[in-house]
Amino acid sequence: MSVYVVCKYGTGDRPMEAISDRLIITEGEARERGYAELNLRWKVKSIYDFTIPFPDGGHVLRPGLFVRVTCPDLGLLAEDLYIAKITISGDKNGVMMRLVCESYQDWEEGGQATS
């Protein structure tokens, strides 16, 4: 049985080398290896934590997706951020969504990782 690891962050315009390892035999192991390889290349540049009213279509937001955020108060103008965590809460004033998002350093900024 073969397990293929496809790693894609961002726009996917910077493909990585194929990952091949006899020790990868389950999907969980493949995901862990993929995350490890990506983390060697991508470094977190900034973390943003903000709360917004639950938006129309908010049910489709989930950790692991990228969203385009514009928030002048945070210095963000159409910035693509990775959703790291979502918390939904509500009270008498309505339903709120707390997003913890990350922006990543480009490979060119941080240089290629070596292993």
C-alpha atoms as a PDB file:
ATOM      1  CA  MET A   1       0.000   0.000   0.000  1.00  0.00           C
ATOM      2  CA  SER A   2       1.295   3.465  -0.895  1.00  0.00           C
ATOM      3  CA  VAL A   3       0.504   6.689   0.897  1.00  0.00           C
ATOM      4  CA  TYR A   4       1.082   9.927  -0.966  1.00  0.00           C
ATOM      5  CA  VAL A   5       1.717  13.125   0.958  1.00  0.00           C
ATOM      6  CA  VAL A   6       0.509  16.270  -0.787  1.00  0.00           C
ATOM      7  CA  CYS A   7       1.514  19.458   1.021  1.00  0.00           C
ATOM      8  CA  LYS A   8      -0.180  22.705   0.081  1.00  0.00           C
ATOM      9  CA  TYR A   9      -0.125  25.994   1.965  1.00  0.00           C
ATOM     10  CA  GLY A  10      -1.085  29.305   0.474  1.00  0.00           C
ATOM     11  CA  THR A  11      -1.628  29.481  -3.265  1.00  0.00           C
ATOM     12  CA  GLY A  12       0.283  26.262  -3.963  1.00  0.00           C
ATOM     13  CA  ASP A  13       2.618  27.992  -6.416  1.00  0.00           C
ATOM     14  CA  ARG A  14       5.771  26.683  -4.715  1.00  0.00           C
ATOM     15  CA  PRO A  15       5.703  22.900  -4.934  1.00  0.00           C
ATOM     16  CA  MET A  16       7.912  20.905  -2.603  1.00  0.00           C
ATOM     17  CA  GLU A  17       9.847  17.762  -3.307  1.00  0.00           C
ATOM     18  CA  ALA A  18       7.957  14.482  -3.083  1.00  0.00           C
ATOM     19  CA  ILE A  19       8.044  12.753   0.291  1.00  0.00           C
ATOM     20  CA  SER A  20       8.868   9.082   0.197  1.00  0.00           C
ATOM     21  CA  ASP A  21       9.509   7.028   3.300  1.00  0.00           C
ATOM     22  CA  ARG A  22       8.908   3.364   4.068  1.00  0.00           C
ATOM     23  CA  LEU A  23       7.859   4.294   7.596  1.00  0.00           C
ATOM     24  CA  ILE A  24       4.813   6.231   6.388  1.00  0.00           C
ATOM     25  CA  ILE A  25       2.059   3.634   6.238  1.00  0.00           C
ATOM     26  CA  THR A  26      -1.017   5.441   7.593  1.00  0.00           C
ATOM     27  CA  GLU A  27      -2.775   8.674   6.714  1.00  0.00           C
ATOM     28  CA  GLY A  28      -2.032  10.058  10.189  1.00  0.00           C
ATOM     29  CA  GLU A  29       1.699   9.438   9.784  1.00  0.00           C
ATOM     30  CA  ALA A  30       1.570  11.033   6.328  1.00  0.00           C
ATOM     31  CA  ARG A  31      -0.116  14.159   7.725  1.00  0.00           C
ATOM     32  CA  GLU A  32       2.433  14.450  10.528  1.00  0.00           C
ATOM     33  CA  ARG A  33       5.306  14.129   8.063  1.00  0.00           C
ATOM     34  CA  GLY A  34       3.713  16.694   5.752  1.00  0.00           C
ATOM     35  CA  TYR A  35       3.301  19.177   8.612  1.00  0.00           C
ATOM     36  CA  ALA A  36       6.907  18.589   9.675  1.00  0.00           C
ATOM     37  CA  GLU A  37       8.196  19.266   6.156  1.00  0.00           C
ATOM     38  CA  LEU A  38       6.075  22.391   5.770  1.00  0.00           C
ATOM     39  CA  ASN A  39       7.123  23.709   9.159  1.00  0.00           C
ATOM     40  CA  LEU A  40      10.745  23.483   8.085  1.00  0.00           C
ATOM     41  CA  ARG A  41       9.942  25.917   5.278  1.00  0.00           C
ATOM     42  CA  TRP A  42       7.241  28.214   6.622  1.00  0.00           C
ATOM     43  CA  LYS A  43       7.782  30.288   9.736  1.00  0.00           C
ATOM     44  CA  VAL A  44       5.012  32.164  11.532  1.00  0.00           C
ATOM     45  CA  LYS A  45       5.533  35.889  11.000  1.00  0.00           C
ATOM     46  CA  SER A  46       2.560  37.252  12.961  1.00  0.00           C
ATOM     47  CA  ILE A  47      -0.378  35.978  14.997  1.00  0.00           C
ATOM     48  CA  TYR A  48      -3.672  37.882  15.003  1.00  0.00           C
ATOM     49  CA  ASP A  49      -6.412  37.290  17.559  1.00  0.00           C
ATOM     50  CA  PHE A  50      -9.694  39.095  16.933  1.00  0.00           C
ATOM     51  CA  THR A  51     -13.412  38.708  17.562  1.00  0.00           C
ATOM     52  CA  ILE A  52     -16.083  39.478  14.992  1.00  0.00           C
ATOM     53  CA  PRO A  53     -19.865  39.098  14.850  1.00  0.00           C
ATOM     54  CA  PHE A  54     -20.700  35.702  13.358  1.00  0.00           C
ATOM     55  CA  PRO A  55     -20.686  36.460   9.600  1.00  0.00           C
ATOM     56  CA  ASP A  56     -23.044  35.196   6.907  1.00  0.00           C
ATOM     57  CA  GLY A  57     -21.476  31.945   5.806  1.00  0.00           C
ATOM     58  CA  GLY A  58     -19.417  31.754   8.993  1.00  0.00           C
ATOM     59  CA  HIS A  59     -20.281  28.065   9.249  1.00  0.00           C
ATOM     60  CA  VAL A  60     -17.846  27.339   6.398  1.00  0.00           C
ATOM     61  CA  LEU A  61     -14.889  28.836   8.260  1.00  0.00           C
ATOM     62  CA  ARG A  62     -12.733  26.246   9.989  1.00  0.00           C
ATOM     63  CA  PRO A  63      -9.159  25.799  11.176  1.00  0.00           C
ATOM     64  CA  GLY A  64      -6.803  24.955   8.339  1.00  0.00           C
ATOM     65  CA  LEU A  65      -8.296  27.358   5.794  1.00  0.00           C
ATOM     66  CA  PHE A  66      -6.913  30.647   4.544  1.00  0.00           C
ATOM     67  CA  VAL A  67      -9.062  33.774   4.688  1.00  0.00           C
ATOM     68  CA  ARG A  68      -8.490  37.218   3.230  1.00  0.00           C
ATOM     69  CA  VAL A  69      -8.675  39.801   6.019  1.00  0.00           C
ATOM     70  CA  THR A  70      -8.885  43.576   5.838  1.00  0.00           C
ATOM     71  CA  CYS A  71      -8.689  45.299   9.201  1.00  0.00           C
ATOM     72  CA  PRO A  72      -6.973  48.699   9.186  1.00  0.00           C
ATOM     73  CA  ASP A  73      -6.885  48.679  13.021  1.00  0.00           C
ATOM     74  CA  LEU A  74      -4.560  45.660  12.835  1.00  0.00           C
ATOM     75  CA  GLY A  75      -2.653  46.962   9.811  1.00  0.00           C
ATOM     76  CA  LEU A  76      -4.150  44.313   7.509  1.00  0.00           C
ATOM     77  CA  LEU A  77      -5.141  45.191   3.949  1.00  0.00           C
ATOM     78  CA  ALA A  78      -6.364  42.137   2.008  1.00  0.00           C
ATOM     79  CA  GLU A  79      -3.913  39.871   3.851  1.00  0.00           C
ATOM     80  CA  ASP A  80      -4.254  36.100   3.415  1.00  0.00           C
ATOM     81  CA  LEU A  81      -4.202  34.571   6.899  1.00  0.00           C
ATOM     82  CA  TYR A  82      -4.272  30.950   8.015  1.00  0.00           C
ATOM     83  CA  ILE A  83      -7.029  30.108  10.515  1.00  0.00           C
ATOM     84  CA  ALA A  84      -5.313  28.386  13.432  1.00  0.00           C
ATOM     85  CA  LYS A  85      -8.241  28.357  15.863  1.00  0.00           C
ATOM     86  CA  ILE A  86     -11.911  29.345  16.009  1.00  0.00           C
ATOM     87  CA  THR A  87     -14.080  29.816  19.077  1.00  0.00           C
ATOM     88  CA  ILE A  88     -17.796  30.568  18.771  1.00  0.00           C
ATOM     89  CA  SER A  89     -19.672  32.114  21.672  1.00  0.00           C
ATOM     90  CA  GLY A  90     -22.941  33.863  22.201  1.00  0.00           C
ATOM     91  CA  ASP A  91     -24.860  35.952  24.666  1.00  0.00           C
ATOM     92  CA  LYS A  92     -27.890  38.229  24.664  1.00  0.00           C
ATOM     93  CA  ASN A  93     -26.089  40.529  22.197  1.00  0.00           C
ATOM     94  CA  GLY A  94     -25.596  37.840  19.529  1.00  0.00           C
ATOM     95  CA  VAL A  95     -23.180  35.205  18.307  1.00  0.00           C
ATOM     96  CA  MET A  96     -19.479  36.086  18.108  1.00  0.00           C
ATOM     97  CA  MET A  97     -16.593  34.326  16.394  1.00  0.00           C
ATOM     98  CA  ARG A  98     -13.069  34.566  17.772  1.00  0.00           C
ATOM     99  CA  LEU A  99     -10.404  33.875  15.170  1.00  0.00           C
ATOM    100  CA  VAL A 100      -6.751  33.194  15.859  1.00  0.00           C
ATOM    101  CA  CYS A 101      -4.963  33.609  12.534  1.00  0.00           C
ATOM    102  CA  GLU A 102      -1.353  33.395  11.416  1.00  0.00           C
ATOM    103  CA  SER A 103       0.611  34.980   8.611  1.00  0.00           C
ATOM    104  CA  TYR A 104       3.676  33.194   7.353  1.00  0.00           C
ATOM    105  CA  GLN A 105       7.072  34.347   6.253  1.00  0.00           C
ATOM    106  CA  ASP A 106       7.634  33.678   2.548  1.00  0.00           C
ATOM    107  CA  TRP A 107      10.272  31.106   1.708  1.00  0.00           C
ATOM    108  CA  GLU A 108      12.335  33.800   0.032  1.00  0.00           C
ATOM    109  CA  GLU A 109      12.275  35.936   3.193  1.00  0.00           C
ATOM    110  CA  GLY A 110      13.385  33.148   5.486  1.00  0.00           C
ATOM    111  CA  GLY A 111      15.549  31.195   3.093  1.00  0.00           C
ATOM    112  CA  GLN A 112      15.287  27.513   2.371  1.00  0.00           C
ATOM    113  CA  ALA A 113      15.424  25.163   5.294  1.00  0.00           C
ATOM    114  CA  THR A 114      18.197  22.648   5.542  1.00  0.00           C
ATOM    115  CA  SER A 115      18.005  19.277   7.149  1.00  0.00           C
END
